[in-house]
């Protein structure tokens, strides 16, 4: 009787250890990783079946970390990530980077376009941080993350 109980106990322990090993080694989704790190569920216009080279969640991480946001500082805040076409002014006045339009269809090419003596057009993620219950304009935090390289665009102008 003791051998049977010992065998059953060993099989149960083995089964549990295999289950635990599989659970710990399975990859965590970008969404889950983002929520664990920042504690918010972002809103987005991005519900389309295409993905830029830099994913929305990677862009969110880049943008929030660049502005020193964390789980504590985002309490009571809303975070939005919109996929946009942006223009960076590199002309005589170098006025910053602003949103031209939101993007709703997959582009054929994510490369930037240079307009001589004027600036650069490129696809980007617009990351906006605002108070959840009382949004303000300009937002509390705002940045633009290049959708091809993941770099921050200069002098972002909030919408």
N, C-alpha and C. Protein backbone atom coordinates (compact mmCIF):
# COMPACT_ATOMS: atom_id res chain seq x y z
N UNK A 1 0.81 -1.19 0.00
CA UNK A 1 0.00 0.00 0.00
C UNK A 1 0.86 1.27 0.00
N UNK A 2 1.98 1.22 0.78
CA UNK A 2 2.86 2.38 0.83
C UNK A 2 3.52 2.62 -0.52
N UNK A 3 3.86 1.52 -1.24
CA UNK A 3 4.49 1.66 -2.54
C UNK A 3 3.53 2.32 -3.54
N UNK A 4 2.27 1.97 -3.49
CA UNK A 4 1.27 2.54 -4.40
C UNK A 4 1.11 4.04 -4.11
N UNK A 5 0.99 4.40 -2.85
CA UNK A 5 0.86 5.82 -2.48
C UNK A 5 2.12 6.61 -2.88
N UNK A 6 3.27 6.01 -2.66
CA UNK A 6 4.52 6.66 -3.02
C UNK A 6 4.61 6.84 -4.53
N UNK A 7 4.19 5.84 -5.31
CA UNK A 7 4.20 5.92 -6.76
C UNK A 7 3.25 7.01 -7.25
N UNK A 8 2.06 7.05 -6.68
CA UNK A 8 1.07 8.08 -7.05
C UNK A 8 1.61 9.47 -6.71
N UNK A 9 2.22 9.63 -5.56
CA UNK A 9 2.79 10.91 -5.15
C UNK A 9 3.90 11.34 -6.10
N UNK A 10 4.77 10.41 -6.47
CA UNK A 10 5.87 10.72 -7.39
C UNK A 10 5.35 11.11 -8.77
N UNK A 11 4.33 10.40 -9.24
CA UNK A 11 3.73 10.73 -10.55
C UNK A 11 3.09 12.11 -10.49
N UNK A 12 2.41 12.43 -9.40
CA UNK A 12 1.78 13.75 -9.25
C UNK A 12 2.84 14.84 -9.22
N UNK A 13 3.92 14.62 -8.50
CA UNK A 13 5.00 15.61 -8.44
C UNK A 13 5.64 15.79 -9.80
N UNK A 14 5.86 14.70 -10.52
CA UNK A 14 6.45 14.78 -11.85
C UNK A 14 5.53 15.54 -12.80
N UNK A 15 4.23 15.23 -12.76
CA UNK A 15 3.27 15.92 -13.63
C UNK A 15 3.23 17.41 -13.31
N UNK A 16 3.23 17.76 -12.04
CA UNK A 16 3.21 19.16 -11.64
C UNK A 16 4.48 19.87 -12.09
N UNK A 17 5.63 19.23 -11.96
CA UNK A 17 6.89 19.87 -12.37
C UNK A 17 6.94 20.06 -13.88
N UNK A 18 6.42 19.13 -14.65
CA UNK A 18 6.36 19.30 -16.11
C UNK A 18 5.44 20.46 -16.46
N UNK A 19 4.28 20.53 -15.83
CA UNK A 19 3.33 21.62 -16.06
C UNK A 19 3.97 22.97 -15.71
N UNK A 20 4.62 23.04 -14.57
CA UNK A 20 5.25 24.28 -14.14
C UNK A 20 6.37 24.68 -15.09
N UNK A 21 7.15 23.72 -15.53
CA UNK A 21 8.24 23.99 -16.47
C UNK A 21 7.71 24.54 -17.78
N UNK A 22 6.65 23.96 -18.31
CA UNK A 22 6.06 24.44 -19.56
C UNK A 22 5.49 25.84 -19.38
N UNK A 23 4.86 26.10 -18.24
CA UNK A 23 4.26 27.41 -17.98
C UNK A 23 5.33 28.49 -17.89
N UNK A 24 6.43 28.20 -17.22
CA UNK A 24 7.47 29.20 -17.03
C UNK A 24 8.28 29.45 -18.29
N UNK A 25 8.37 28.46 -19.16
CA UNK A 25 9.18 28.61 -20.36
C UNK A 25 8.38 29.11 -21.56
N UNK A 26 7.07 29.23 -21.43
CA UNK A 26 6.29 29.72 -22.56
C UNK A 26 6.50 31.22 -22.71
N UNK A 27 6.58 31.70 -23.96
CA UNK A 27 6.83 33.12 -24.16
C UNK A 27 5.64 33.96 -23.71
N UNK A 28 5.93 35.11 -23.13
CA UNK A 28 4.87 36.02 -22.69
C UNK A 28 4.56 36.95 -23.86
N UNK A 29 3.31 37.25 -24.06
CA UNK A 29 2.93 38.11 -25.18
C UNK A 29 3.40 39.54 -24.92
N UNK A 30 3.54 40.30 -26.00
CA UNK A 30 3.93 41.71 -25.87
C UNK A 30 2.91 42.47 -25.03
N UNK A 31 1.63 42.15 -25.21
CA UNK A 31 0.58 42.82 -24.47
C UNK A 31 0.71 42.57 -22.97
N UNK A 32 0.92 41.30 -22.61
CA UNK A 32 1.05 40.94 -21.20
C UNK A 32 2.31 41.57 -20.60
N UNK A 33 3.41 41.54 -21.34
CA UNK A 33 4.65 42.12 -20.85
C UNK A 33 4.46 43.63 -20.60
N UNK A 34 3.80 44.31 -21.55
CA UNK A 34 3.55 45.74 -21.41
C UNK A 34 2.69 46.02 -20.17
N UNK A 35 1.61 45.25 -20.00
CA UNK A 35 0.72 45.48 -18.85
C UNK A 35 1.45 45.23 -17.53
N UNK A 36 2.25 44.18 -17.47
CA UNK A 36 3.01 43.89 -16.25
C UNK A 36 3.94 45.05 -15.92
N UNK A 37 4.59 45.61 -16.94
CA UNK A 37 5.57 46.67 -16.72
C UNK A 37 4.93 48.02 -16.43
N UNK A 38 3.84 48.37 -17.14
CA UNK A 38 3.28 49.71 -17.02
C UNK A 38 1.90 49.77 -16.36
N UNK A 39 1.19 48.67 -16.27
CA UNK A 39 -0.08 48.63 -15.55
C UNK A 39 -1.24 49.33 -16.22
N UNK A 40 -1.17 49.61 -17.51
CA UNK A 40 -2.27 50.24 -18.23
C UNK A 40 -2.56 49.45 -19.51
N UNK A 41 -3.79 49.57 -19.97
CA UNK A 41 -4.17 48.98 -21.25
C UNK A 41 -4.30 50.15 -22.22
N UNK A 42 -3.43 50.22 -23.23
CA UNK A 42 -3.47 51.37 -24.14
C UNK A 42 -4.67 51.33 -25.07
N UNK A 43 -5.13 52.51 -25.45
CA UNK A 43 -6.14 52.64 -26.49
C UNK A 43 -5.41 52.92 -27.78
N UNK A 44 -6.03 52.57 -28.92
CA UNK A 44 -5.35 52.78 -30.18
C UNK A 44 -6.33 52.80 -31.34
N UNK A 45 -5.93 53.47 -32.43
CA UNK A 45 -6.68 53.40 -33.68
C UNK A 45 -6.20 52.21 -34.49
N UNK A 46 -5.25 51.46 -33.92
CA UNK A 46 -4.57 50.41 -34.66
C UNK A 46 -5.24 49.06 -34.45
N UNK A 47 -6.27 48.78 -35.21
CA UNK A 47 -6.95 47.49 -35.14
C UNK A 47 -6.96 46.88 -36.53
N UNK A 48 -5.87 47.03 -37.23
CA UNK A 48 -5.79 46.59 -38.61
C UNK A 48 -4.89 45.36 -38.72
N UNK A 49 -5.09 44.55 -39.75
CA UNK A 49 -4.31 43.31 -39.89
C UNK A 49 -2.94 43.51 -40.53
N UNK A 50 -2.20 44.52 -40.10
CA UNK A 50 -0.84 44.69 -40.56
C UNK A 50 0.01 45.20 -39.40
N UNK A 51 1.28 45.00 -39.51
CA UNK A 51 2.16 45.41 -38.42
C UNK A 51 3.42 46.06 -38.97
N UNK A 52 3.71 47.27 -38.51
CA UNK A 52 4.94 47.93 -38.93
C UNK A 52 6.16 47.19 -38.37
N UNK A 53 7.34 47.51 -38.86
CA UNK A 53 8.55 46.88 -38.33
C UNK A 53 8.69 47.03 -36.81
N UNK A 54 8.30 48.17 -36.26
CA UNK A 54 8.30 48.37 -34.81
C UNK A 54 6.85 48.24 -34.35
N UNK A 55 6.57 47.24 -33.53
CA UNK A 55 5.20 46.99 -33.09
C UNK A 55 4.69 48.11 -32.19
N UNK A 56 3.38 48.17 -32.04
CA UNK A 56 2.77 49.18 -31.18
C UNK A 56 3.29 49.06 -29.75
N UNK A 57 3.38 47.84 -29.23
CA UNK A 57 3.80 47.67 -27.84
C UNK A 57 5.27 48.02 -27.65
N UNK A 58 6.10 47.76 -28.65
CA UNK A 58 7.52 48.16 -28.55
C UNK A 58 7.62 49.69 -28.59
N UNK A 59 6.83 50.33 -29.47
CA UNK A 59 6.83 51.79 -29.55
C UNK A 59 6.32 52.40 -28.24
N UNK A 60 5.30 51.81 -27.66
CA UNK A 60 4.81 52.29 -26.37
C UNK A 60 5.90 52.22 -25.31
N UNK A 61 6.60 51.12 -25.27
CA UNK A 61 7.68 50.97 -24.29
C UNK A 61 8.76 52.03 -24.51
N UNK A 62 9.17 52.23 -25.75
CA UNK A 62 10.19 53.23 -26.07
C UNK A 62 9.71 54.62 -25.65
N UNK A 63 8.48 54.96 -26.03
CA UNK A 63 7.95 56.29 -25.73
C UNK A 63 7.77 56.55 -24.24
N UNK A 64 7.20 55.59 -23.53
CA UNK A 64 6.97 55.78 -22.10
C UNK A 64 8.28 55.83 -21.32
N UNK A 65 9.21 54.95 -21.66
CA UNK A 65 10.50 54.96 -20.97
C UNK A 65 11.28 56.24 -21.26
N UNK A 66 11.14 56.80 -22.46
CA UNK A 66 11.86 58.03 -22.80
C UNK A 66 11.38 59.21 -21.97
N UNK A 67 10.14 59.12 -21.47
CA UNK A 67 9.58 60.19 -20.65
C UNK A 67 9.53 59.80 -19.17
N UNK A 68 10.24 58.73 -18.84
CA UNK A 68 10.36 58.25 -17.45
C UNK A 68 9.03 57.86 -16.81
N UNK A 69 8.10 57.32 -17.61
CA UNK A 69 6.86 56.80 -17.05
C UNK A 69 7.06 55.38 -16.58
N UNK A 70 6.36 55.02 -15.51
CA UNK A 70 6.37 53.65 -15.01
C UNK A 70 4.97 53.33 -14.48
N UNK A 71 4.84 52.17 -13.88
CA UNK A 71 3.53 51.72 -13.39
C UNK A 71 2.93 52.71 -12.39
N UNK A 72 3.76 53.28 -11.52
CA UNK A 72 3.28 54.21 -10.49
C UNK A 72 2.85 55.54 -11.11
N UNK A 73 3.69 56.10 -11.98
CA UNK A 73 3.38 57.41 -12.56
C UNK A 73 2.21 57.36 -13.54
N UNK A 74 1.83 56.18 -13.99
CA UNK A 74 0.70 56.06 -14.93
C UNK A 74 -0.63 55.79 -14.24
N UNK A 75 -0.64 55.72 -12.90
CA UNK A 75 -1.90 55.54 -12.18
C UNK A 75 -2.79 56.74 -12.46
N UNK A 76 -4.02 56.49 -12.89
CA UNK A 76 -4.97 57.56 -13.20
C UNK A 76 -4.76 58.20 -14.56
N UNK A 77 -3.89 57.62 -15.37
CA UNK A 77 -3.62 58.16 -16.70
C UNK A 77 -4.19 57.23 -17.77
N UNK A 78 -4.43 57.80 -18.94
CA UNK A 78 -4.78 56.99 -20.10
C UNK A 78 -3.62 57.10 -21.09
N UNK A 79 -3.36 56.01 -21.78
CA UNK A 79 -2.28 55.96 -22.76
C UNK A 79 -2.89 55.58 -24.10
N UNK A 80 -2.54 56.33 -25.12
CA UNK A 80 -3.05 56.07 -26.47
C UNK A 80 -1.87 55.94 -27.43
N UNK A 81 -1.97 54.97 -28.32
CA UNK A 81 -0.96 54.79 -29.37
C UNK A 81 -1.67 54.77 -30.71
N UNK A 82 -1.42 55.77 -31.52
CA UNK A 82 -2.03 55.85 -32.84
C UNK A 82 -0.96 55.73 -33.91
N UNK A 83 -1.29 55.00 -34.98
CA UNK A 83 -0.38 54.85 -36.10
C UNK A 83 -0.63 56.02 -37.03
N UNK A 84 0.41 56.82 -37.31
CA UNK A 84 0.24 58.07 -38.04
C UNK A 84 1.30 58.25 -39.12
N UNK A 85 1.02 59.19 -39.99
CA UNK A 85 2.01 59.67 -40.95
C UNK A 85 2.44 61.03 -40.43
N UNK A 86 3.74 61.23 -40.23
CA UNK A 86 4.24 62.45 -39.59
C UNK A 86 5.17 63.20 -40.52
N UNK A 87 5.32 64.49 -40.24
CA UNK A 87 6.24 65.34 -40.99
C UNK A 87 7.19 66.01 -40.02
N UNK A 88 8.49 65.87 -40.28
CA UNK A 88 9.51 66.56 -39.49
C UNK A 88 10.07 67.70 -40.33
N UNK A 89 9.93 68.92 -39.81
CA UNK A 89 10.41 70.12 -40.49
C UNK A 89 11.92 70.22 -40.34
N UNK A 90 12.61 70.14 -41.46
CA UNK A 90 14.07 70.30 -41.44
C UNK A 90 14.48 71.52 -42.25
N UNK A 91 13.50 72.36 -42.59
CA UNK A 91 13.77 73.54 -43.40
C UNK A 91 14.39 74.66 -42.57
N UNK A 92 14.22 75.88 -43.04
CA UNK A 92 14.87 77.03 -42.42
C UNK A 92 14.46 77.25 -40.97
N UNK A 93 13.22 76.93 -40.62
CA UNK A 93 12.74 77.21 -39.27
C UNK A 93 12.83 76.02 -38.32
N UNK A 94 12.99 74.83 -38.84
CA UNK A 94 13.08 73.59 -38.06
C UNK A 94 12.03 73.62 -36.94
N UNK A 95 10.77 73.51 -37.35
CA UNK A 95 9.66 73.68 -36.42
C UNK A 95 9.24 72.48 -35.63
N UNK A 96 9.84 71.33 -35.82
CA UNK A 96 9.46 70.15 -35.05
C UNK A 96 8.77 69.12 -35.91
N UNK A 97 8.16 68.13 -35.24
CA UNK A 97 7.50 67.04 -35.93
C UNK A 97 6.03 67.02 -35.55
N UNK A 98 5.16 66.95 -36.55
CA UNK A 98 3.73 66.92 -36.30
C UNK A 98 3.04 65.82 -37.09
N UNK A 99 1.83 65.54 -36.71
CA UNK A 99 1.04 64.50 -37.36
C UNK A 99 0.37 65.07 -38.60
N UNK A 100 0.53 64.37 -39.72
CA UNK A 100 -0.15 64.75 -40.96
C UNK A 100 -1.54 64.11 -40.99
N UNK A 101 -1.59 62.79 -40.70
CA UNK A 101 -2.87 62.07 -40.68
C UNK A 101 -2.70 60.73 -39.98
N UNK A 102 -3.82 60.17 -39.52
CA UNK A 102 -3.79 58.81 -39.00
C UNK A 102 -3.78 57.84 -40.18
N UNK A 103 -3.19 56.67 -39.96
CA UNK A 103 -3.05 55.68 -41.02
C UNK A 103 -4.03 54.53 -40.75
N UNK A 104 -4.80 54.16 -41.79
CA UNK A 104 -5.79 53.10 -41.63
C UNK A 104 -5.57 51.91 -42.55
N UNK A 105 -4.66 52.06 -43.51
CA UNK A 105 -4.38 50.96 -44.43
C UNK A 105 -2.88 50.68 -44.43
N UNK A 106 -2.50 49.45 -44.70
CA UNK A 106 -1.07 49.13 -44.65
C UNK A 106 -0.30 49.83 -45.77
N UNK A 107 0.78 50.50 -45.40
CA UNK A 107 1.61 51.11 -46.44
C UNK A 107 2.40 50.03 -47.18
N UNK A 108 2.74 50.30 -48.41
CA UNK A 108 3.55 49.33 -49.17
C UNK A 108 5.02 49.41 -48.76
N UNK A 109 5.40 50.55 -48.19
CA UNK A 109 6.79 50.77 -47.81
C UNK A 109 6.81 51.67 -46.57
N UNK A 110 7.56 51.29 -45.57
CA UNK A 110 7.63 52.07 -44.33
C UNK A 110 8.79 53.07 -44.33
N UNK A 111 9.50 53.18 -45.44
CA UNK A 111 10.63 54.10 -45.52
C UNK A 111 10.16 55.55 -45.47
N UNK A 112 11.05 56.42 -45.03
CA UNK A 112 10.73 57.84 -44.99
C UNK A 112 10.90 58.46 -46.38
N UNK A 113 10.29 59.63 -46.56
CA UNK A 113 10.41 60.37 -47.81
C UNK A 113 10.96 61.75 -47.49
N UNK A 114 12.05 62.11 -48.14
CA UNK A 114 12.67 63.42 -47.92
C UNK A 114 12.16 64.40 -48.96
N UNK A 115 11.74 65.58 -48.50
CA UNK A 115 11.34 66.66 -49.38
C UNK A 115 12.43 67.72 -49.27
N UNK A 116 13.15 67.96 -50.34
CA UNK A 116 14.30 68.87 -50.31
C UNK A 116 13.94 70.23 -49.73
N UNK A 117 14.78 70.71 -48.85
CA UNK A 117 14.64 72.02 -48.20
C UNK A 117 13.36 72.17 -47.39
N UNK A 118 12.70 71.08 -47.07
CA UNK A 118 11.45 71.19 -46.32
C UNK A 118 11.44 70.25 -45.12
N UNK A 119 11.56 68.95 -45.38
CA UNK A 119 11.49 68.03 -44.26
C UNK A 119 11.39 66.58 -44.67
N UNK A 120 10.93 65.78 -43.72
CA UNK A 120 10.86 64.33 -43.91
C UNK A 120 9.46 63.85 -43.53
N UNK A 121 8.86 63.03 -44.40
CA UNK A 121 7.60 62.35 -44.10
C UNK A 121 7.93 60.93 -43.68
N UNK A 122 7.28 60.44 -42.63
CA UNK A 122 7.54 59.07 -42.19
C UNK A 122 6.39 58.53 -41.35
N UNK A 123 6.31 57.19 -41.28
CA UNK A 123 5.31 56.54 -40.46
C UNK A 123 5.80 56.49 -39.02
N UNK A 124 4.88 56.72 -38.11
CA UNK A 124 5.28 56.78 -36.69
C UNK A 124 4.13 56.34 -35.80
N UNK A 125 4.48 56.08 -34.57
CA UNK A 125 3.50 55.83 -33.51
C UNK A 125 3.40 57.10 -32.68
N UNK A 126 2.19 57.63 -32.55
CA UNK A 126 1.96 58.80 -31.71
C UNK A 126 1.52 58.29 -30.34
N UNK A 127 2.35 58.51 -29.33
CA UNK A 127 2.09 58.05 -27.97
C UNK A 127 1.62 59.25 -27.16
N UNK A 128 0.40 59.16 -26.64
CA UNK A 128 -0.19 60.26 -25.88
C UNK A 128 -0.53 59.78 -24.47
N UNK A 129 -0.12 60.56 -23.47
CA UNK A 129 -0.44 60.27 -22.07
C UNK A 129 -1.29 61.43 -21.57
N UNK A 130 -2.41 61.09 -20.95
CA UNK A 130 -3.31 62.12 -20.45
C UNK A 130 -4.01 61.65 -19.19
N UNK A 131 -4.63 62.57 -18.48
CA UNK A 131 -5.42 62.19 -17.31
C UNK A 131 -6.63 61.39 -17.79
N UNK A 132 -6.92 60.28 -17.14
CA UNK A 132 -8.00 59.39 -17.58
C UNK A 132 -9.36 60.05 -17.44
N UNK A 133 -9.57 60.81 -16.38
CA UNK A 133 -10.90 61.38 -16.13
C UNK A 133 -11.06 62.80 -16.64
N UNK A 134 -9.96 63.51 -16.84
CA UNK A 134 -10.05 64.90 -17.28
C UNK A 134 -8.93 65.20 -18.28
N UNK A 135 -9.11 64.77 -19.52
CA UNK A 135 -8.05 64.99 -20.51
C UNK A 135 -7.76 66.48 -20.71
N UNK A 136 -6.51 66.78 -20.92
CA UNK A 136 -6.12 68.17 -21.15
C UNK A 136 -5.47 68.29 -22.51
N UNK A 137 -5.47 69.51 -23.03
CA UNK A 137 -4.80 69.77 -24.28
C UNK A 137 -3.88 70.95 -24.05
N UNK A 138 -2.60 70.86 -24.19
CA UNK A 138 -1.86 69.72 -24.66
C UNK A 138 -1.86 68.58 -23.65
N UNK A 139 -1.59 67.37 -24.13
CA UNK A 139 -1.58 66.22 -23.23
C UNK A 139 -0.45 66.31 -22.20
N UNK A 140 -0.54 65.48 -21.17
CA UNK A 140 0.48 65.44 -20.13
C UNK A 140 1.81 64.96 -20.70
N UNK A 141 1.76 63.99 -21.61
CA UNK A 141 2.95 63.49 -22.27
C UNK A 141 2.65 63.15 -23.72
N UNK A 142 3.63 63.37 -24.59
CA UNK A 142 3.42 63.09 -26.00
C UNK A 142 4.77 62.85 -26.66
N UNK A 143 4.85 61.83 -27.50
CA UNK A 143 6.06 61.60 -28.29
C UNK A 143 5.67 60.86 -29.56
N UNK A 144 6.58 60.90 -30.51
CA UNK A 144 6.41 60.19 -31.77
C UNK A 144 7.58 59.24 -31.92
N UNK A 145 7.26 57.96 -32.19
CA UNK A 145 8.28 56.93 -32.34
C UNK A 145 8.25 56.43 -33.77
N UNK A 146 9.39 56.50 -34.44
CA UNK A 146 9.52 56.06 -35.83
C UNK A 146 9.10 54.59 -35.93
N UNK A 147 8.16 54.29 -36.83
CA UNK A 147 7.63 52.93 -36.97
C UNK A 147 8.59 51.99 -37.68
N UNK A 148 9.63 52.53 -38.29
CA UNK A 148 10.60 51.68 -38.98
C UNK A 148 11.82 51.40 -38.11
N UNK A 149 12.28 52.41 -37.38
CA UNK A 149 13.54 52.26 -36.63
C UNK A 149 13.36 52.20 -35.11
N UNK A 150 12.25 52.72 -34.60
CA UNK A 150 12.05 52.78 -33.16
C UNK A 150 12.68 53.99 -32.51
N UNK A 151 13.23 54.89 -33.30
CA UNK A 151 13.84 56.09 -32.72
C UNK A 151 12.77 57.15 -32.46
N UNK A 152 13.06 58.02 -31.50
CA UNK A 152 12.15 59.11 -31.19
C UNK A 152 12.30 60.21 -32.23
N UNK A 153 11.18 60.76 -32.68
CA UNK A 153 11.23 61.86 -33.65
C UNK A 153 11.43 63.16 -32.87
N UNK A 154 12.15 64.12 -33.46
CA UNK A 154 12.50 65.35 -32.74
C UNK A 154 11.33 66.31 -32.55
N UNK A 155 11.35 67.00 -31.44
CA UNK A 155 10.39 68.07 -31.12
C UNK A 155 8.95 67.75 -31.51
N UNK A 156 8.36 66.74 -30.92
CA UNK A 156 7.00 66.37 -31.30
C UNK A 156 5.98 67.45 -30.91
N UNK A 157 5.10 67.75 -31.84
CA UNK A 157 4.06 68.75 -31.61
C UNK A 157 2.76 68.00 -31.36
N UNK A 158 2.18 68.13 -30.15
CA UNK A 158 0.91 67.41 -29.85
C UNK A 158 -0.21 67.86 -30.77
N UNK A 159 -1.12 66.97 -31.06
CA UNK A 159 -2.26 67.33 -31.94
C UNK A 159 -3.20 68.31 -31.26
